[in-house]
Amino acid sequence: MSTIPTSAATEAAAKRQPTAWQNIKKYVAYKWYEMKKAKTYYFFVLPYALIFITFTVVPVIISIYLSFTTFNLLQPPKFVFIENYYKLFMLDELFIVAIKNTLLLATITGPVGYLLCLMFAWFLNEMPPKFRAVLTLLFYAPALTQASTIFTFIFSGDSQGLLNSVLLRWTLIINPIQWLKNEKTVLPVVIVVIMWLSLGTSFLSFIAGLQGIDREQYEAGAIDGIKNRWQELWFITLPNMKQQLMFGAVMSITGSFGMGSVITSLVGFPSPNYAAHTIVHHLEDYGTVRFEMGYASAIATILFFIMITANKLVQSLLRRVGT
């Protein structure tokens, strides 16, 4: 019996195997077939998809493109490659201050505010329903209030300010402290305000997540060897709340990086000696005051990628919950 030489058999087998282009065509055809089968679902998603692409995806792409140009809204954009980024990191000392303040605020207010929301929600979930409803309203109040009005009164620099009046009455200070005008006290005050405001939407989502957990899971956990409340929290409560935890994390990250308007309403713009100057303030300065849109787009792009990185980091941490 004659046999085909090994090299010839290999070549014949290679000819029978589909090429990469054929595989791509098959994959596209299969996906198109699946989309045609589910066309009704895509039809319902289409309005949201169009709005999302038009007002989110397209502006982000345009902003990234403009970050490599000089653009003043009057003349066509001029491509300068990475010149804007070089100026930001090598020549713009105020931007470095803004990054430092932003990361400091985000590092303190983001994780701490997030954990406080979770702790308070867990604590209130164990209370009687009527008492829990009242306290939930009190904790959610920061999301409903005008922060600048309340905290301007609390940290007012005269003797009539709430904090100064209390400290003067207790003779802890001799003269009123200019809380919102002194560069040494501005940043701590801003941190306190942002921490207070963080007890809002995230807290409410945690309460909803805790209320949705089936109580029978705790009974089953006790049978399986869960010995204390901390083990209940780690192995039962938190795994059942991953969606709420992710939502709360996204809100905390977005809030901690985007508190520029709150800071401006408290201490003005610019803040005393730029003590509370953040990336958002730097972006507003170049985008809405100087109209250097290429430079502002570079700042916005950096802030965008910082937030994306923070979100990915939180997602990787939340995957380990319950393991």
Protein backbone atom coordinates (compact mmCIF):
# COMPACT_ATOMS: atom_id res chain seq x y z
CA MET A 1 0.00 0.00 0.00
CA SER A 2 1.44 3.38 -1.02
CA THR A 3 1.59 6.12 1.56
CA ILE A 4 1.65 9.88 1.12
CA PRO A 5 4.96 11.42 2.23
CA THR A 6 4.80 13.27 5.56
CA SER A 7 5.51 16.70 4.05
CA ALA A 8 2.79 16.24 1.43
CA ALA A 9 0.29 15.12 4.09
CA THR A 10 1.11 18.19 6.18
CA GLU A 11 0.59 20.51 3.23
CA ALA A 12 -2.73 18.84 2.38
CA ALA A 13 -3.91 19.22 5.99
CA ALA A 14 -2.85 22.88 6.03
CA LYS A 15 -4.87 23.51 2.86
CA ARG A 16 -7.97 21.96 4.44
CA GLN A 17 -7.72 24.16 7.55
CA PRO A 18 -9.60 27.47 7.30
CA THR A 19 -7.54 30.62 7.13
CA ALA A 20 -7.74 33.43 9.71
CA TRP A 21 -9.82 35.51 7.31
CA GLN A 22 -12.30 32.66 6.85
CA ASN A 23 -12.58 32.28 10.63
CA ILE A 24 -13.31 36.00 10.98
CA LYS A 25 -15.97 35.83 8.25
CA LYS A 26 -17.61 32.86 9.97
CA TYR A 27 -17.56 34.64 13.33
CA VAL A 28 -19.07 37.83 11.86
CA ALA A 29 -21.74 35.83 10.02
CA TYR A 30 -22.61 33.94 13.21
CA LYS A 31 -22.85 37.17 15.23
CA TRP A 32 -24.98 38.80 12.55
CA TYR A 33 -27.31 35.81 12.61
CA GLU A 34 -27.57 36.03 16.41
CA MET A 35 -28.30 39.77 16.21
CA LYS A 36 -31.03 39.18 13.64
CA LYS A 37 -32.62 36.63 15.95
CA ALA A 38 -32.54 39.14 18.84
CA LYS A 39 -33.43 42.20 16.77
CA THR A 40 -36.37 43.05 19.03
CA TYR A 41 -34.07 43.39 22.05
CA TYR A 42 -31.61 45.52 20.10
CA PHE A 43 -34.50 47.72 18.98
CA PHE A 44 -35.37 48.47 22.62
CA VAL A 45 -31.71 49.13 23.48
CA LEU A 46 -31.19 51.39 20.45
CA PRO A 47 -32.46 54.71 21.94
CA TYR A 48 -30.19 54.40 24.98
CA ALA A 49 -27.27 53.24 22.83
CA LEU A 50 -27.63 56.23 20.51
CA ILE A 51 -27.78 58.67 23.43
CA PHE A 52 -24.82 57.01 25.17
CA ILE A 53 -22.67 56.97 22.04
CA THR A 54 -23.61 60.54 21.07
CA PHE A 55 -23.15 62.20 24.44
CA THR A 56 -20.52 59.98 26.10
CA VAL A 57 -18.41 57.92 23.69
CA VAL A 58 -18.07 60.53 20.94
CA PRO A 59 -17.16 63.42 23.31
CA VAL A 60 -14.53 61.24 25.00
CA ILE A 61 -12.97 60.37 21.64
CA ILE A 62 -13.03 64.02 20.55
CA SER A 63 -11.49 65.11 23.85
CA ILE A 64 -8.66 62.59 23.51
CA TYR A 65 -8.00 63.84 19.97
CA LEU A 66 -8.06 67.51 21.04
CA SER A 67 -5.57 66.73 23.83
CA PHE A 68 -2.93 66.37 21.11
CA THR A 69 -3.74 69.77 19.62
CA THR A 70 -3.82 73.46 20.42
CA PHE A 71 -7.37 74.76 20.06
CA ASN A 72 -8.87 78.09 21.17
CA LEU A 73 -12.40 77.74 19.69
CA LEU A 74 -11.63 80.44 17.10
CA GLN A 75 -9.01 78.76 14.94
CA PRO A 76 -8.89 75.16 13.67
CA PRO A 77 -7.08 72.68 15.98
CA LYS A 78 -3.35 72.40 15.32
CA PHE A 79 -1.75 69.02 15.98
CA VAL A 80 1.14 69.24 18.48
CA PHE A 81 1.40 65.56 19.50
CA ILE A 82 2.37 65.22 23.22
CA GLU A 83 3.33 68.86 23.82
CA ASN A 84 0.31 69.43 26.11
CA TYR A 85 1.19 66.42 28.25
CA TYR A 86 4.85 67.51 28.42
CA LYS A 87 3.79 70.96 29.67
CA LEU A 88 1.43 69.44 32.22
CA PHE A 89 3.94 67.14 33.87
CA MET A 90 7.20 69.04 33.31
CA LEU A 91 6.33 72.76 33.29
CA ASP A 92 2.98 73.21 35.05
CA GLU A 93 3.76 73.19 38.78
CA LEU A 94 0.16 74.01 39.67
CA PHE A 95 -1.03 70.84 37.91
CA ILE A 96 1.27 68.77 40.14
CA VAL A 97 -0.31 70.48 43.16
CA ALA A 98 -3.75 69.70 41.72
CA ILE A 99 -2.86 66.01 41.27
CA LYS A 100 -1.52 65.80 44.83
CA ASN A 101 -4.65 67.40 46.31
CA THR A 102 -6.98 65.31 44.14
CA LEU A 103 -5.31 62.02 45.04
CA LEU A 104 -5.22 63.01 48.72
CA LEU A 105 -8.93 63.84 48.72
CA ALA A 106 -9.81 60.71 46.74
CA THR A 107 -7.67 58.44 48.93
CA ILE A 108 -9.17 59.73 52.18
CA THR A 109 -12.77 60.51 51.29
CA GLY A 110 -13.35 57.66 48.80
CA PRO A 111 -12.44 54.53 50.81
CA VAL A 112 -13.28 56.01 54.22
CA GLY A 113 -16.64 57.37 53.08
CA TYR A 114 -17.39 54.08 51.34
CA LEU A 115 -16.64 52.04 54.47
CA LEU A 116 -18.64 54.43 56.66
CA CYS A 117 -21.64 54.05 54.35
CA LEU A 118 -21.38 50.28 54.57
CA MET A 119 -20.93 50.26 58.35
CA PHE A 120 -23.85 52.60 59.00
CA ALA A 121 -26.09 50.67 56.60
CA TRP A 122 -25.18 47.36 58.25
CA PHE A 123 -25.79 48.85 61.68
CA LEU A 124 -29.17 50.38 60.78
CA ASN A 125 -30.31 47.19 59.06
CA GLU A 126 -30.33 45.47 62.47
CA MET A 127 -32.70 48.04 64.01
CA PRO A 128 -36.51 47.98 64.23
CA PRO A 129 -38.22 49.12 61.00
CA LYS A 130 -39.64 52.44 62.28
CA PHE A 131 -36.41 53.49 63.95
CA ARG A 132 -34.46 52.39 60.87
CA ALA A 133 -36.65 54.49 58.56
CA VAL A 134 -36.04 57.67 60.59
CA LEU A 135 -32.28 57.16 60.79
CA THR A 136 -32.10 56.28 57.08
CA LEU A 137 -33.71 59.63 56.28
CA LEU A 138 -31.20 61.41 58.53
CA PHE A 139 -28.24 59.70 56.93
CA TYR A 140 -29.58 60.32 53.42
CA ALA A 141 -30.13 64.01 54.20
CA PRO A 142 -26.67 65.07 52.89
CA ALA A 143 -27.77 64.15 49.36
CA LEU A 144 -30.77 66.47 49.70
CA THR A 145 -29.16 69.51 51.32
CA GLN A 146 -27.25 72.52 49.97
CA ALA A 147 -23.80 71.82 51.39
CA SER A 148 -22.35 75.28 50.83
CA THR A 149 -25.06 77.04 52.85
CA ILE A 150 -24.85 74.69 55.85
CA PHE A 151 -21.07 74.39 56.04
CA THR A 152 -20.44 78.06 55.33
CA PHE A 153 -22.44 78.78 58.48
CA ILE A 154 -20.67 76.03 60.47
CA PHE A 155 -17.16 77.13 59.45
CA SER A 156 -17.81 80.86 59.26
CA GLY A 157 -14.71 82.84 60.21
CA ASP A 158 -16.42 85.26 62.62
CA SER A 159 -17.54 84.66 66.19
CA GLN A 160 -21.08 83.92 64.99
CA GLY A 161 -20.01 80.83 63.10
CA LEU A 162 -21.25 77.65 64.73
CA LEU A 163 -17.85 76.01 65.28
CA ASN A 164 -16.11 79.22 66.35
CA SER A 165 -18.91 80.14 68.77
CA VAL A 166 -18.70 76.73 70.45
CA LEU A 167 -14.90 76.84 70.72
CA LEU A 168 -15.01 80.41 72.09
CA ARG A 169 -17.66 79.47 74.62
CA TRP A 170 -15.53 76.58 75.85
CA THR A 171 -12.47 78.90 75.83
CA LEU A 172 -10.59 76.50 73.57
CA ILE A 173 -9.62 79.45 71.32
CA ILE A 174 -9.17 83.16 71.98
CA ASN A 175 -9.86 84.57 68.52
CA PRO A 176 -12.12 83.20 65.77
CA ILE A 177 -10.39 80.96 63.25
CA GLN A 178 -10.72 81.68 59.55
CA TRP A 179 -11.52 78.09 58.62
CA LEU A 180 -12.27 78.80 54.96
CA LYS A 181 -9.58 81.45 54.41
CA ASN A 182 -6.53 79.87 56.04
CA GLU A 183 -4.55 77.58 53.74
CA LYS A 184 -3.73 75.29 56.69
CA THR A 185 -7.38 74.62 57.55
CA VAL A 186 -9.00 74.70 54.11
CA LEU A 187 -8.12 71.13 53.07
CA PRO A 188 -9.19 69.47 56.38
CA VAL A 189 -12.51 71.36 56.20
CA VAL A 190 -13.04 70.22 52.60
CA ILE A 191 -12.31 66.60 53.61
CA VAL A 192 -14.92 66.80 56.40
CA VAL A 193 -17.53 68.24 54.04
CA ILE A 194 -16.92 65.64 51.33
CA MET A 195 -17.05 62.86 53.93
CA TRP A 196 -20.45 64.15 55.05
CA LEU A 197 -21.75 64.36 51.50
CA SER A 198 -20.59 60.81 50.79
CA LEU A 199 -23.26 59.50 53.18
CA GLY A 200 -25.92 59.76 50.52
CA THR A 201 -26.79 57.65 47.50
CA SER A 202 -24.26 54.91 48.28
CA PHE A 203 -25.69 54.54 51.77
CA LEU A 204 -29.20 54.15 50.38
CA SER A 205 -28.09 51.48 47.90
CA PHE A 206 -26.41 49.53 50.71
CA ILE A 207 -29.61 49.62 52.76
CA ALA A 208 -31.54 48.30 49.76
CA GLY A 209 -28.99 45.53 49.24
CA LEU A 210 -29.11 44.45 52.89
CA GLN A 211 -32.90 44.38 52.84
CA GLY A 212 -32.88 42.07 49.82
CA ILE A 213 -30.85 39.27 51.42
CA ASP A 214 -32.83 36.12 52.23
CA ARG A 215 -32.69 35.47 55.98
CA GLU A 216 -32.64 31.73 55.34
CA GLN A 217 -29.08 32.06 54.05
CA TYR A 218 -27.93 33.04 57.54
CA GLU A 219 -29.63 29.97 58.99
CA ALA A 220 -27.98 27.77 56.38
CA GLY A 221 -24.66 29.46 57.10
CA ALA A 222 -24.97 28.70 60.81
CA ILE A 223 -25.49 25.04 59.96
CA ASP A 224 -22.47 25.08 57.62
CA GLY A 225 -20.15 26.46 60.29
CA ILE A 226 -20.53 30.26 60.32
CA LYS A 227 -19.61 31.14 63.91
CA ASN A 228 -19.91 34.92 64.32
CA ARG A 229 -21.28 38.11 62.74
CA TRP A 230 -18.03 38.95 60.96
CA GLN A 231 -18.08 35.64 59.14
CA GLU A 232 -21.73 36.27 58.25
CA LEU A 233 -20.73 39.65 56.84
CA TRP A 234 -17.82 38.30 54.76
CA PHE A 235 -19.26 35.00 53.50
CA ILE A 236 -22.99 35.80 53.20
CA THR A 237 -23.84 39.51 53.39
CA LEU A 238 -21.17 41.02 51.15
CA PRO A 239 -21.32 38.36 48.37
CA ASN A 240 -25.08 38.99 48.12
CA MET A 241 -24.47 42.73 47.78
CA LYS A 242 -21.83 42.79 45.05
CA GLN A 243 -24.01 44.83 42.68
CA GLN A 244 -24.74 47.43 45.37
CA LEU A 245 -21.09 47.42 46.43
CA MET A 246 -20.00 48.11 42.87
CA PHE A 247 -22.58 50.88 42.47
CA GLY A 248 -21.48 52.45 45.75
CA ALA A 249 -17.82 52.20 44.73
CA VAL A 250 -18.45 53.91 41.39
CA MET A 251 -20.41 56.69 43.11
CA SER A 252 -17.68 57.15 45.73
CA ILE A 253 -14.92 57.31 43.12
CA THR A 254 -16.87 59.70 40.90
CA GLY A 255 -17.77 61.87 43.88
CA SER A 256 -14.28 62.01 45.37
CA PHE A 257 -12.68 62.95 42.03
CA GLY A 258 -15.41 65.42 41.01
CA MET A 259 -16.03 67.59 44.07
CA GLY A 260 -14.74 70.75 42.39
CA SER A 261 -18.06 72.61 42.52
CA VAL A 262 -18.52 71.87 46.23
CA ILE A 263 -15.00 73.10 47.02
CA THR A 264 -15.54 76.24 44.94
CA SER A 265 -18.80 77.04 46.72
CA LEU A 266 -17.05 76.71 50.10
CA VAL A 267 -13.68 78.40 49.62
CA GLY A 268 -14.00 80.11 46.25
CA PHE A 269 -11.83 79.84 43.17
CA PRO A 270 -8.93 79.86 43.46
CA SER A 271 -8.70 78.54 47.02
CA PRO A 272 -6.30 80.25 49.47
CA ASN A 273 -2.81 79.71 48.07
CA TYR A 274 -4.29 76.86 45.98
CA ALA A 275 -4.50 74.72 49.12
CA ALA A 276 -7.63 72.93 47.81
CA HIS A 277 -6.86 73.19 44.09
CA THR A 278 -7.86 69.96 42.29
CA ILE A 279 -7.68 68.60 38.76
CA VAL A 280 -11.29 69.66 38.20
CA HIS A 281 -10.39 73.26 39.11
CA HIS A 282 -7.41 73.14 36.76
CA LEU A 283 -9.68 71.82 34.02
CA GLU A 284 -12.26 74.56 34.61
CA ASP A 285 -9.55 77.21 34.61
CA TYR A 286 -8.16 76.27 31.21
CA GLY A 287 -11.46 75.17 29.68
CA THR A 288 -13.94 77.86 30.77
CA VAL A 289 -11.71 80.82 31.67
CA ARG A 290 -8.71 80.71 29.34
CA PHE A 291 -10.43 78.70 26.58
CA GLU A 292 -7.27 76.68 25.87
CA MET A 293 -9.32 73.66 24.85
CA GLY A 294 -6.42 71.48 23.76
CA TYR A 295 -4.67 71.88 27.11
CA ALA A 296 -7.97 71.42 28.96
CA SER A 297 -8.66 68.25 26.97
CA ALA A 298 -5.29 66.85 28.04
CA ILE A 299 -6.24 67.51 31.69
CA ALA A 300 -9.63 65.87 31.15
CA THR A 301 -8.02 62.86 29.49
CA ILE A 302 -5.66 62.35 32.43
CA LEU A 303 -8.56 62.61 34.89
CA PHE A 304 -10.56 60.14 32.77
CA PHE A 305 -7.82 57.51 32.83
CA ILE A 306 -7.21 58.01 36.56
CA MET A 307 -10.89 57.32 37.23
CA ILE A 308 -10.91 54.30 34.90
CA THR A 309 -7.85 52.90 36.70
CA ALA A 310 -9.48 53.45 40.09
CA ASN A 311 -12.67 51.71 38.92
CA LYS A 312 -10.71 48.71 37.61
CA LEU A 313 -8.81 48.48 40.89
CA VAL A 314 -12.06 48.50 42.87
CA GLN A 315 -13.57 45.84 40.60
CA SER A 316 -10.58 43.55 41.17
CA LEU A 317 -10.88 44.05 44.93
CA LEU A 318 -14.63 43.38 44.98
CA ARG A 319 -14.12 40.08 43.12
CA ARG A 320 -12.28 38.80 46.19
CA VAL A 321 -15.23 39.45 48.50
CA GLY A 322 -16.39 36.19 50.10
CA THR A 323 -13.36 34.17 48.97
